[in-house]
Amino acid sequence: MNDNNLTPQTDTKKEIPTSPLRCFTGAVVSGGMAFAAYSLMIAIATNFANKPIHSINPLVLKISSAVRTLVVGVVALGSGIFGIVAIGLLALGVQLLVQQLTKQKSSEN
């Protein structure tokens, strides 16, 4: 019982060249997701602030405070990461645009 792959696997990965337009559209998408995550974080934090914990048990207060902090922190981390990615893609797009413009000027001379 020899179960060799009957269909040969070919690794034909086509590399798509990076262009300023792709970088700028990626930056817009990532920036939109960062703004959405930021808005979600503000809504969650406001909701937590408007609904205080009704308990006299110190353990319940500590655990619920930790959970609330973790939830807001994870959403804030996601928002920050998407924001940093948006800034990086924007900078890469500007760099590629400048490289293309200088390459065109040098080829004309």
PDB file of N, CA and C in Angstrom:
ATOM      1  N   MET A   1       0.831  -1.177   0.000  1.00  0.00           N
ATOM      2  CA  MET A   1       0.000   0.000   0.000  1.00  0.00           C
ATOM      3  C   MET A   1       0.876   1.242   0.000  1.00  0.00           C
ATOM      4  N   ASN A   2       1.217   1.663  -1.140  1.00  0.00           N
ATOM      5  CA  ASN A   2       2.050   2.826  -1.305  1.00  0.00           C
ATOM      6  C   ASN A   2       1.164   3.999  -1.702  1.00  0.00           C
ATOM      7  N   ASP A   3       0.980   4.942  -0.780  1.00  0.00           N
ATOM      8  CA  ASP A   3       0.115   6.098  -1.048  1.00  0.00           C
ATOM      9  C   ASP A   3       0.957   7.315  -1.402  1.00  0.00           C
ATOM     10  N   ASN A   4       1.565   7.274  -2.536  1.00  0.00           N
ATOM     11  CA  ASN A   4       2.290   8.448  -3.010  1.00  0.00           C
ATOM     12  C   ASN A   4       1.287   9.447  -3.560  1.00  0.00           C
ATOM     13  N   ASN A   5       1.696  10.657  -3.583  1.00  0.00           N
ATOM     14  CA  ASN A   5       0.820  11.680  -4.150  1.00  0.00           C
ATOM     15  C   ASN A   5       0.624  11.420  -5.634  1.00  0.00           C
ATOM     16  N   LEU A   6      -0.611  11.261  -6.011  1.00  0.00           N
ATOM     17  CA  LEU A   6      -0.912  10.987  -7.406  1.00  0.00           C
ATOM     18  C   LEU A   6      -0.832  12.248  -8.253  1.00  0.00           C
ATOM     19  N   THR A   7      -1.122  13.368  -7.644  1.00  0.00           N
ATOM     20  CA  THR A   7      -1.018  14.628  -8.373  1.00  0.00           C
ATOM     21  C   THR A   7       0.255  15.329  -7.931  1.00  0.00           C
ATOM     22  N   PRO A   8       1.115  15.658  -8.869  1.00  0.00           N
ATOM     23  CA  PRO A   8       2.363  16.315  -8.470  1.00  0.00           C
ATOM     24  C   PRO A   8       2.073  17.737  -7.975  1.00  0.00           C
ATOM     25  N   GLN A   9       2.716  18.082  -6.886  1.00  0.00           N
ATOM     26  CA  GLN A   9       2.535  19.425  -6.343  1.00  0.00           C
ATOM     27  C   GLN A   9       3.577  20.339  -6.954  1.00  0.00           C
ATOM     28  N   THR A  10       3.098  21.384  -7.529  1.00  0.00           N
ATOM     29  CA  THR A  10       4.002  22.350  -8.125  1.00  0.00           C
ATOM     30  C   THR A  10       3.912  23.634  -7.330  1.00  0.00           C
ATOM     31  N   ASP A  11       5.043  24.146  -7.002  1.00  0.00           N
ATOM     32  CA  ASP A  11       5.098  25.399  -6.263  1.00  0.00           C
ATOM     33  C   ASP A  11       5.287  26.547  -7.242  1.00  0.00           C
ATOM     34  N   THR A  12       4.230  26.919  -7.879  1.00  0.00           N
ATOM     35  CA  THR A  12       4.286  28.024  -8.829  1.00  0.00           C
ATOM     36  C   THR A  12       3.661  29.237  -8.174  1.00  0.00           C
ATOM     37  N   LYS A  13       4.435  29.859  -7.327  1.00  0.00           N
ATOM     38  CA  LYS A  13       3.966  31.067  -6.660  1.00  0.00           C
ATOM     39  C   LYS A  13       4.405  32.267  -7.487  1.00  0.00           C
ATOM     40  N   LYS A  14       3.438  33.029  -7.877  1.00  0.00           N
ATOM     41  CA  LYS A  14       3.712  34.185  -8.700  1.00  0.00           C
ATOM     42  C   LYS A  14       3.863  35.399  -7.783  1.00  0.00           C
ATOM     43  N   GLU A  15       5.001  36.045  -7.849  1.00  0.00           N
ATOM     44  CA  GLU A  15       5.218  37.220  -7.014  1.00  0.00           C
ATOM     45  C   GLU A  15       4.614  38.435  -7.686  1.00  0.00           C
ATOM     46  N   ILE A  16       3.783  39.116  -6.928  1.00  0.00           N
ATOM     47  CA  ILE A  16       3.166  40.338  -7.430  1.00  0.00           C
ATOM     48  C   ILE A  16       4.048  41.510  -6.990  1.00  0.00           C
ATOM     49  N   PRO A  17       4.482  42.327  -7.920  1.00  0.00           N
ATOM     50  CA  PRO A  17       5.358  43.438  -7.531  1.00  0.00           C
ATOM     51  C   PRO A  17       4.619  44.455  -6.664  1.00  0.00           C
ATOM     52  N   THR A  18       5.355  45.003  -5.729  1.00  0.00           N
ATOM     53  CA  THR A  18       4.785  46.004  -4.832  1.00  0.00           C
ATOM     54  C   THR A  18       4.682  47.328  -5.569  1.00  0.00           C
ATOM     55  N   SER A  19       3.534  47.958  -5.444  1.00  0.00           N
ATOM     56  CA  SER A  19       3.332  49.241  -6.096  1.00  0.00           C
ATOM     57  C   SER A  19       2.793  50.233  -5.071  1.00  0.00           C
ATOM     58  N   PRO A  20       2.982  51.519  -5.331  1.00  0.00           N
ATOM     59  CA  PRO A  20       2.452  52.514  -4.394  1.00  0.00           C
ATOM     60  C   PRO A  20       0.932  52.437  -4.238  1.00  0.00           C
ATOM     61  N   LEU A  21       0.232  52.099  -5.314  1.00  0.00           N
ATOM     62  CA  LEU A  21      -1.227  52.014  -5.228  1.00  0.00           C
ATOM     63  C   LEU A  21      -1.647  50.897  -4.279  1.00  0.00           C
ATOM     64  N   ARG A  22      -0.971  49.754  -4.356  1.00  0.00           N
ATOM     65  CA  ARG A  22      -1.291  48.644  -3.446  1.00  0.00           C
ATOM     66  C   ARG A  22      -0.979  49.021  -2.006  1.00  0.00           C
ATOM     67  N   CYS A  23       0.119  49.745  -1.796  1.00  0.00           N
ATOM     68  CA  CYS A  23       0.480  50.170  -0.440  1.00  0.00           C
ATOM     69  C   CYS A  23      -0.547  51.154   0.114  1.00  0.00           C
ATOM     70  N   PHE A  24      -0.973  52.099  -0.720  1.00  0.00           N
ATOM     71  CA  PHE A  24      -1.929  53.099  -0.242  1.00  0.00           C
ATOM     72  C   PHE A  24      -3.300  52.485   0.027  1.00  0.00           C
ATOM     73  N   THR A  25      -3.734  51.544  -0.811  1.00  0.00           N
ATOM     74  CA  THR A  25      -5.020  50.902  -0.541  1.00  0.00           C
ATOM     75  C   THR A  25      -4.932  50.031   0.718  1.00  0.00           C
ATOM     76  N   GLY A  26      -3.802  49.364   0.922  1.00  0.00           N
ATOM     77  CA  GLY A  26      -3.613  48.601   2.157  1.00  0.00           C
ATOM     78  C   GLY A  26      -3.590  49.490   3.377  1.00  0.00           C
ATOM     79  N   ALA A  27      -2.990  50.674   3.237  1.00  0.00           N
ATOM     80  CA  ALA A  27      -2.952  51.620   4.350  1.00  0.00           C
ATOM     81  C   ALA A  27      -4.353  52.131   4.677  1.00  0.00           C
ATOM     82  N   VAL A  28      -5.155  52.355   3.650  1.00  0.00           N
ATOM     83  CA  VAL A  28      -6.528  52.816   3.888  1.00  0.00           C
ATOM     84  C   VAL A  28      -7.347  51.730   4.584  1.00  0.00           C
ATOM     85  N   VAL A  29      -7.200  50.500   4.131  1.00  0.00           N
ATOM     86  CA  VAL A  29      -7.939  49.392   4.749  1.00  0.00           C
ATOM     87  C   VAL A  29      -7.496  49.197   6.196  1.00  0.00           C
ATOM     88  N   SER A  30      -6.188  49.198   6.418  1.00  0.00           N
ATOM     89  CA  SER A  30      -5.680  49.010   7.774  1.00  0.00           C
ATOM     90  C   SER A  30      -6.049  50.184   8.679  1.00  0.00           C
ATOM     91  N   GLY A  31      -6.023  51.380   8.135  1.00  0.00           N
ATOM     92  CA  GLY A  31      -6.437  52.545   8.920  1.00  0.00           C
ATOM     93  C   GLY A  31      -7.914  52.495   9.276  1.00  0.00           C
ATOM     94  N   GLY A  32      -8.717  52.017   8.348  1.00  0.00           N
ATOM     95  CA  GLY A  32     -10.145  51.857   8.646  1.00  0.00           C
ATOM     96  C   GLY A  32     -10.388  50.832   9.734  1.00  0.00           C
ATOM     97  N   MET A  33      -9.634  49.738   9.681  1.00  0.00           N
ATOM     98  CA  MET A  33      -9.773  48.728  10.728  1.00  0.00           C
ATOM     99  C   MET A  33      -9.265  49.246  12.070  1.00  0.00           C
ATOM    100  N   ALA A  34      -8.208  50.058  12.054  1.00  0.00           N
ATOM    101  CA  ALA A  34      -7.705  50.657  13.288  1.00  0.00           C
ATOM    102  C   ALA A  34      -8.751  51.597  13.885  1.00  0.00           C
ATOM    103  N   PHE A  35      -9.399  52.387  13.035  1.00  0.00           N
ATOM    104  CA  PHE A  35     -10.433  53.296  13.526  1.00  0.00           C
ATOM    105  C   PHE A  35     -11.624  52.520  14.076  1.00  0.00           C
ATOM    106  N   ALA A  36     -11.992  51.427  13.397  1.00  0.00           N
ATOM    107  CA  ALA A  36     -13.107  50.609  13.880  1.00  0.00           C
ATOM    108  C   ALA A  36     -12.767  49.964  15.226  1.00  0.00           C
ATOM    109  N   ALA A  37     -11.556  49.469  15.363  1.00  0.00           N
ATOM    110  CA  ALA A  37     -11.148  48.865  16.633  1.00  0.00           C
ATOM    111  C   ALA A  37     -11.073  49.910  17.739  1.00  0.00           C
ATOM    112  N   TYR A  38     -10.633  51.111  17.394  1.00  0.00           N
ATOM    113  CA  TYR A  38     -10.587  52.194  18.380  1.00  0.00           C
ATOM    114  C   TYR A  38     -11.997  52.580  18.825  1.00  0.00           C
ATOM    115  N   SER A  39     -12.904  52.671  17.875  1.00  0.00           N
ATOM    116  CA  SER A  39     -14.288  52.996  18.226  1.00  0.00           C
ATOM    117  C   SER A  39     -14.900  51.900  19.094  1.00  0.00           C
ATOM    118  N   LEU A  40     -14.592  50.650  18.785  1.00  0.00           N
ATOM    119  CA  LEU A  40     -15.072  49.537  19.595  1.00  0.00           C
ATOM    120  C   LEU A  40     -14.492  49.601  21.001  1.00  0.00           C
ATOM    121  N   MET A  41     -13.224  49.959  21.108  1.00  0.00           N
ATOM    122  CA  MET A  41     -12.596  50.070  22.416  1.00  0.00           C
ATOM    123  C   MET A  41     -13.255  51.156  23.262  1.00  0.00           C
ATOM    124  N   ILE A  42     -13.539  52.282  22.653  1.00  0.00           N
ATOM    125  CA  ILE A  42     -14.197  53.375  23.376  1.00  0.00           C
ATOM    126  C   ILE A  42     -15.590  52.949  23.817  1.00  0.00           C
ATOM    127  N   ALA A  43     -16.312  52.243  22.951  1.00  0.00           N
ATOM    128  CA  ALA A  43     -17.656  51.782  23.305  1.00  0.00           C
ATOM    129  C   ALA A  43     -17.615  50.770  24.447  1.00  0.00           C
ATOM    130  N   ILE A  44     -16.656  49.868  24.410  1.00  0.00           N
ATOM    131  CA  ILE A  44     -16.531  48.873  25.477  1.00  0.00           C
ATOM    132  C   ILE A  44     -16.161  49.545  26.791  1.00  0.00           C
ATOM    133  N   ALA A  45     -15.199  50.454  26.754  1.00  0.00           N
ATOM    134  CA  ALA A  45     -14.772  51.137  27.981  1.00  0.00           C
ATOM    135  C   ALA A  45     -15.910  51.975  28.564  1.00  0.00           C
ATOM    136  N   THR A  46     -16.686  52.627  27.707  1.00  0.00           N
ATOM    137  CA  THR A  46     -17.820  53.424  28.177  1.00  0.00           C
ATOM    138  C   THR A  46     -18.889  52.525  28.784  1.00  0.00           C
ATOM    139  N   ASN A  47     -19.124  51.393  28.146  1.00  0.00           N
ATOM    140  CA  ASN A  47     -20.108  50.449  28.661  1.00  0.00           C
ATOM    141  C   ASN A  47     -19.675  49.907  30.025  1.00  0.00           C
ATOM    142  N   PHE A  48     -18.406  49.578  30.171  1.00  0.00           N
ATOM    143  CA  PHE A  48     -17.908  49.100  31.456  1.00  0.00           C
ATOM    144  C   PHE A  48     -18.000  50.194  32.525  1.00  0.00           C
ATOM    145  N   ALA A  49     -17.725  51.437  32.140  1.00  0.00           N
ATOM    146  CA  ALA A  49     -17.769  52.533  33.109  1.00  0.00           C
ATOM    147  C   ALA A  49     -19.204  52.828  33.555  1.00  0.00           C
ATOM    148  N   ASN A  50     -20.165  52.642  32.665  1.00  0.00           N
ATOM    149  CA  ASN A  50     -21.562  52.933  33.002  1.00  0.00           C
ATOM    150  C   ASN A  50     -22.224  51.824  33.811  1.00  0.00           C
ATOM    151  N   LYS A  51     -21.613  50.642  33.821  1.00  0.00           N
ATOM    152  CA  LYS A  51     -22.185  49.517  34.556  1.00  0.00           C
ATOM    153  C   LYS A  51     -21.193  49.053  35.617  1.00  0.00           C
ATOM    154  N   PRO A  52     -21.248  49.647  36.801  1.00  0.00           N
ATOM    155  CA  PRO A  52     -20.296  49.248  37.841  1.00  0.00           C
ATOM    156  C   PRO A  52     -20.605  47.851  38.377  1.00  0.00           C
ATOM    157  N   ILE A  53     -19.636  47.287  39.064  1.00  0.00           N
ATOM    158  CA  ILE A  53     -19.766  45.949  39.618  1.00  0.00           C
ATOM    159  C   ILE A  53     -20.478  46.056  40.964  1.00  0.00           C
ATOM    160  N   HIS A  54     -21.532  45.274  41.143  1.00  0.00           N
ATOM    161  CA  HIS A  54     -22.304  45.307  42.384  1.00  0.00           C
ATOM    162  C   HIS A  54     -21.966  44.071  43.201  1.00  0.00           C
ATOM    163  N   SER A  55     -20.933  44.184  43.991  1.00  0.00           N
ATOM    164  CA  SER A  55     -20.534  43.078  44.841  1.00  0.00           C
ATOM    165  C   SER A  55     -19.727  43.624  46.007  1.00  0.00           C
ATOM    166  N   ILE A  56     -19.762  42.907  47.111  1.00  0.00           N
ATOM    167  CA  ILE A  56     -18.938  43.295  48.255  1.00  0.00           C
ATOM    168  C   ILE A  56     -17.778  42.319  48.448  1.00  0.00           C
ATOM    169  N   ASN A  57     -17.750  41.291  47.636  1.00  0.00           N
ATOM    170  CA  ASN A  57     -16.687  40.301  47.708  1.00  0.00           C
ATOM    171  C   ASN A  57     -15.431  40.853  47.027  1.00  0.00           C
ATOM    172  N   PRO A  58     -14.314  40.977  47.754  1.00  0.00           N
ATOM    173  CA  PRO A  58     -13.107  41.551  47.151  1.00  0.00           C
ATOM    174  C   PRO A  58     -12.540  40.707  46.003  1.00  0.00           C
ATOM    175  N   LEU A  59     -12.701  39.393  46.081  1.00  0.00           N
ATOM    176  CA  LEU A  59     -12.203  38.536  45.006  1.00  0.00           C
ATOM    177  C   LEU A  59     -12.974  38.786  43.708  1.00  0.00           C
ATOM    178  N   VAL A  60     -14.268  38.931  43.821  1.00  0.00           N
ATOM    179  CA  VAL A  60     -15.092  39.228  42.643  1.00  0.00           C
ATOM    180  C   VAL A  60     -14.700  40.565  42.053  1.00  0.00           C
ATOM    181  N   LEU A  61     -14.458  41.546  42.888  1.00  0.00           N
ATOM    182  CA  LEU A  61     -14.074  42.872  42.402  1.00  0.00           C
ATOM    183  C   LEU A  61     -12.725  42.826  41.672  1.00  0.00           C
ATOM    184  N   LYS A  62     -11.783  42.083  42.231  1.00  0.00           N
ATOM    185  CA  LYS A  62     -10.460  42.003  41.601  1.00  0.00           C
ATOM    186  C   LYS A  62     -10.509  41.256  40.274  1.00  0.00           C
ATOM    187  N   ILE A  63     -11.220  40.139  40.240  1.00  0.00           N
ATOM    188  CA  ILE A  63     -11.299  39.352  39.003  1.00  0.00           C
ATOM    189  C   ILE A  63     -12.044  40.121  37.920  1.00  0.00           C
ATOM    190  N   SER A  64     -13.154  40.744  38.273  1.00  0.00           N
ATOM    191  CA  SER A  64     -13.914  41.483  37.258  1.00  0.00           C
ATOM    192  C   SER A  64     -13.139  42.698  36.769  1.00  0.00           C
ATOM    193  N   SER A  65     -12.389  43.334  37.647  1.00  0.00           N
ATOM    194  CA  SER A  65     -11.554  44.458  37.222  1.00  0.00           C
ATOM    195  C   SER A  65     -10.457  43.992  36.276  1.00  0.00           C
ATOM    196  N   ALA A  66      -9.869  42.845  36.576  1.00  0.00           N
ATOM    197  CA  ALA A  66      -8.820  42.304  35.697  1.00  0.00           C
ATOM    198  C   ALA A  66      -9.386  41.916  34.336  1.00  0.00           C
ATOM    199  N   VAL A  67     -10.558  41.303  34.316  1.00  0.00           N
ATOM    200  CA  VAL A  67     -11.171  40.905  33.051  1.00  0.00           C
ATOM    201  C   VAL A  67     -11.522  42.126  32.219  1.00  0.00           C
ATOM    202  N   ARG A  68     -12.085  43.130  32.847  1.00  0.00           N
ATOM    203  CA  ARG A  68     -12.412  44.366  32.113  1.00  0.00           C
ATOM    204  C   ARG A  68     -11.163  45.015  31.546  1.00  0.00           C
ATOM    205  N   THR A  69     -10.099  45.049  32.329  1.00  0.00           N
ATOM    206  CA  THR A  69      -8.845  45.634  31.854  1.00  0.00           C
ATOM    207  C   THR A  69      -8.271  44.834  30.694  1.00  0.00           C
ATOM    208  N   LEU A  70      -8.331  43.520  30.785  1.00  0.00           N
ATOM    209  CA  LEU A  70      -7.821  42.675  29.704  1.00  0.00           C
ATOM    210  C   LEU A  70      -8.622  42.850  28.418  1.00  0.00           C
ATOM    211  N   VAL A  71      -9.938  42.944  28.524  1.00  0.00           N
ATOM    212  CA  VAL A  71     -10.776  43.098  27.327  1.00  0.00           C
ATOM    213  C   VAL A  71     -10.459  44.421  26.635  1.00  0.00           C
ATOM    214  N   VAL A  72     -10.417  45.495  27.398  1.00  0.00           N
ATOM    215  CA  VAL A  72     -10.118  46.803  26.801  1.00  0.00           C
ATOM    216  C   VAL A  72      -8.682  46.818  26.273  1.00  0.00           C
ATOM    217  N   GLY A  73      -7.761  46.177  26.984  1.00  0.00           N
ATOM    218  CA  GLY A  73      -6.370  46.152  26.551  1.00  0.00           C
ATOM    219  C   GLY A  73      -6.152  45.389  25.258  1.00  0.00           C
ATOM    220  N   VAL A  74      -6.844  44.275  25.093  1.00  0.00           N
ATOM    221  CA  VAL A  74      -6.689  43.480  23.859  1.00  0.00           C
ATOM    222  C   VAL A  74      -7.231  44.252  22.663  1.00  0.00           C
ATOM    223  N   VAL A  75      -8.363  44.905  22.841  1.00  0.00           N
ATOM    224  CA  VAL A  75      -8.921  45.692  21.729  1.00  0.00           C
ATOM    225  C   VAL A  75      -8.023  46.893  21.432  1.00  0.00           C
ATOM    226  N   ALA A  76      -7.456  47.514  22.467  1.00  0.00           N
ATOM    227  CA  ALA A  76      -6.534  48.628  22.251  1.00  0.00           C
ATOM    228  C   ALA A  76      -5.269  48.162  21.537  1.00  0.00           C
ATOM    229  N   LEU A  77      -4.783  46.975  21.880  1.00  0.00           N
ATOM    230  CA  LEU A  77      -3.611  46.419  21.213  1.00  0.00           C
ATOM    231  C   LEU A  77      -3.887  46.184  19.730  1.00  0.00           C
ATOM    232  N   GLY A  78      -5.047  45.633  19.424  1.00  0.00           N
ATOM    233  CA  GLY A  78      -5.421  45.437  18.026  1.00  0.00           C
ATOM    234  C   GLY A  78      -5.513  46.748  17.273  1.00  0.00           C
ATOM    235  N   SER A  79      -6.087  47.742  17.910  1.00  0.00           N
ATOM    236  CA  SER A  79      -6.197  49.059  17.280  1.00  0.00           C
ATOM    237  C   SER A  79      -4.815  49.650  17.023  1.00  0.00           C
ATOM    238  N   GLY A  80      -3.926  49.522  17.985  1.00  0.00           N
ATOM    239  CA  GLY A  80      -2.575  50.052  17.814  1.00  0.00           C
ATOM    240  C   GLY A  80      -1.802  49.338  16.723  1.00  0.00           C
ATOM    241  N   ILE A  81      -1.948  48.033  16.647  1.00  0.00           N
ATOM    242  CA  ILE A  81      -1.231  47.266  15.618  1.00  0.00           C
ATOM    243  C   ILE A  81      -1.718  47.658  14.230  1.00  0.00           C
ATOM    244  N   PHE A  82      -3.043  47.751  14.055  1.00  0.00           N
ATOM    245  CA  PHE A  82      -3.556  48.160  12.752  1.00  0.00           C
ATOM    246  C   PHE A  82      -3.124  49.589  12.407  1.00  0.00           C
ATOM    247  N   GLY A  83      -3.050  50.453  13.403  1.00  0.00           N
ATOM    248  CA  GLY A  83      -2.588  51.819  13.156  1.00  0.00           C
ATOM    249  C   GLY A  83      -1.134  51.860  12.724  1.00  0.00           C
ATOM    250  N   ILE A  84      -0.298  51.071  13.384  1.00  0.00           N
ATOM    251  CA  ILE A  84       1.121  51.031  13.026  1.00  0.00           C
ATOM    252  C   ILE A  84       1.314  50.444  11.630  1.00  0.00           C
ATOM    253  N   VAL A  85       0.532  49.418  11.299  1.00  0.00           N
ATOM    254  CA  VAL A  85       0.609  48.829   9.959  1.00  0.00           C
ATOM    255  C   VAL A  85       0.196  49.853   8.902  1.00  0.00           C
ATOM    256  N   ALA A  86      -0.842  50.633   9.202  1.00  0.00           N
ATOM    257  CA  ALA A  86      -1.287  51.661   8.260  1.00  0.00           C
ATOM    258  C   ALA A  86      -0.195  52.702   8.034  1.00  0.00           C
ATOM    259  N   ILE A  87       0.458  53.116   9.099  1.00  0.00           N
ATOM    260  CA  ILE A  87       1.540  54.102   8.965  1.00  0.00           C
ATOM    261  C   ILE A  87       2.707  53.506   8.172  1.00  0.00           C
ATOM    262  N   GLY A  88       3.045  52.250   8.440  1.00  0.00           N
ATOM    263  CA  GLY A  88       4.130  51.597   7.713  1.00  0.00           C
ATOM    264  C   GLY A  88       3.835  51.442   6.231  1.00  0.00           C
ATOM    265  N   LEU A  89       2.603  51.047   5.912  1.00  0.00           N
ATOM    266  CA  LEU A  89       2.236  50.923   4.500  1.00  0.00           C
ATOM    267  C   LEU A  89       2.220  52.274   3.805  1.00  0.00           C
ATOM    268  N   LEU A  90       1.789  53.294   4.498  1.00  0.00           N
ATOM    269  CA  LEU A  90       1.792  54.636   3.926  1.00  0.00           C
ATOM    270  C   LEU A  90       3.230  55.087   3.649  1.00  0.00           C
ATOM    271  N   ALA A  91       4.121  54.829   4.600  1.00  0.00           N
ATOM    272  CA  ALA A  91       5.530  55.195   4.405  1.00  0.00           C
ATOM    273  C   ALA A  91       6.159  54.398   3.267  1.00  0.00           C
ATOM    274  N   LEU A  92       5.829  53.113   3.170  1.00  0.00           N
ATOM    275  CA  LEU A  92       6.351  52.292   2.074  1.00  0.00           C
ATOM    276  C   LEU A  92       5.838  52.795   0.729  1.00  0.00           C
ATOM    277  N   GLY A  93       4.578  53.182   0.671  1.00  0.00           N
ATOM    278  CA  GLY A  93       4.023  53.721  -0.568  1.00  0.00           C
ATOM    279  C   GLY A  93       4.720  54.997  -0.995  1.00  0.00           C
ATOM    280  N   VAL A  94       4.994  55.866  -0.028  1.00  0.00           N
ATOM    281  CA  VAL A  94       5.705  57.113  -0.342  1.00  0.00           C
ATOM    282  C   VAL A  94       7.127  56.797  -0.807  1.00  0.00           C
ATOM    283  N   GLN A  95       7.783  55.851  -0.148  1.00  0.00           N
ATOM    284  CA  GLN A  95       9.137  55.477  -0.542  1.00  0.00           C
ATOM    285  C   GLN A  95       9.166  54.912  -1.956  1.00  0.00           C
ATOM    286  N   LEU A  96       8.228  54.043  -2.286  1.00  0.00           N
ATOM    287  CA  LEU A  96       8.177  53.481  -3.643  1.00  0.00           C
ATOM    288  C   LEU A  96       7.866  54.554  -4.676  1.00  0.00           C
ATOM    289  N   LEU A  97       7.001  55.477  -4.315  1.00  0.00           N
ATOM    290  CA  LEU A  97       6.664  56.568  -5.231  1.00  0.00           C
ATOM    291  C   LEU A  97       7.880  57.447  -5.503  1.00  0.00           C
ATOM    292  N   VAL A  98       8.632  57.764  -4.463  1.00  0.00           N
ATOM    293  CA  VAL A  98       9.843  58.577  -4.639  1.00  0.00           C
ATOM    294  C   VAL A  98      10.873  57.814  -5.464  1.00  0.00           C
ATOM    295  N   GLN A  99      11.022  56.509  -5.223  1.00  0.00           N
ATOM    296  CA  GLN A  99      11.970  55.714  -6.006  1.00  0.00           C
ATOM    297  C   GLN A  99      11.588  55.671  -7.479  1.00  0.00           C
ATOM    298  N   GLN A 100      10.291  55.541  -7.758  1.00  0.00           N
ATOM    299  CA  GLN A 100       9.852  55.527  -9.159  1.00  0.00           C
ATOM    300  C   GLN A 100      10.094  56.869  -9.821  1.00  0.00           C
ATOM    301  N   LEU A 101       9.857  57.964  -9.106  1.00  0.00           N
ATOM    302  CA  LEU A 101      10.063  59.286  -9.694  1.00  0.00           C
ATOM    303  C   LEU A 101      11.541  59.563  -9.935  1.00  0.00           C
ATOM    304  N   THR A 102      12.398  59.165  -8.997  1.00  0.00           N
ATOM    305  CA  THR A 102      13.831  59.394  -9.208  1.00  0.00           C
ATOM    306  C   THR A 102      14.381  58.480 -10.302  1.00  0.00           C
ATOM    307  N   LYS A 103      13.828  57.272 -10.434  1.00  0.00           N
ATOM    308  CA  LYS A 103      14.269  56.367 -11.491  1.00  0.00           C
ATOM    309  C   LYS A 103      13.887  56.911 -12.860  1.00  0.00           C
ATOM    310  N   GLN A 104      12.712  57.532 -12.953  1.00  0.00           N
ATOM    311  CA  GLN A 104      12.289  58.111 -14.222  1.00  0.00           C
ATOM    312  C   GLN A 104      13.156  59.305 -14.587  1.00  0.00           C
ATOM    313  N   LYS A 105      13.495  60.127 -13.610  1.00  0.00           N
ATOM    314  CA  LYS A 105      14.339  61.298 -13.878  1.00  0.00           C
ATOM    315  C   LYS A 105      15.739  60.879 -14.281  1.00  0.00           C
ATOM    316  N   SER A 106      16.276  59.833 -13.654  1.00  0.00           N
ATOM    317  CA  SER A 106      17.638  59.406 -13.993  1.00  0.00           C
ATOM    318  C   SER A 106      17.686  58.722 -15.354  1.00  0.00           C
ATOM    319  N   SER A 107      16.584  58.046 -15.748  1.00  0.00           N
ATOM    320  CA  SER A 107      16.576  57.405 -17.057  1.00  0.00           C
ATOM    321  C   SER A 107      16.395  58.431 -18.182  1.00  0.00           C
ATOM    322  N   GLU A 108      15.817  59.585 -17.868  1.00  0.00           N
ATOM    323  CA  GLU A 108      15.659  60.621 -18.894  1.00  0.00           C
ATOM    324  C   GLU A 108      16.980  61.305 -19.196  1.00  0.00           C
ATOM    325  N   ASN A 109      17.889  61.359 -18.224  1.00  0.00           N
ATOM    326  CA  ASN A 109      19.173  62.043 -18.427  1.00  0.00           C
ATOM    327  C   ASN A 109      20.152  61.206 -19.162  1.00  0.00           C
TER     328      ASN A 109
END
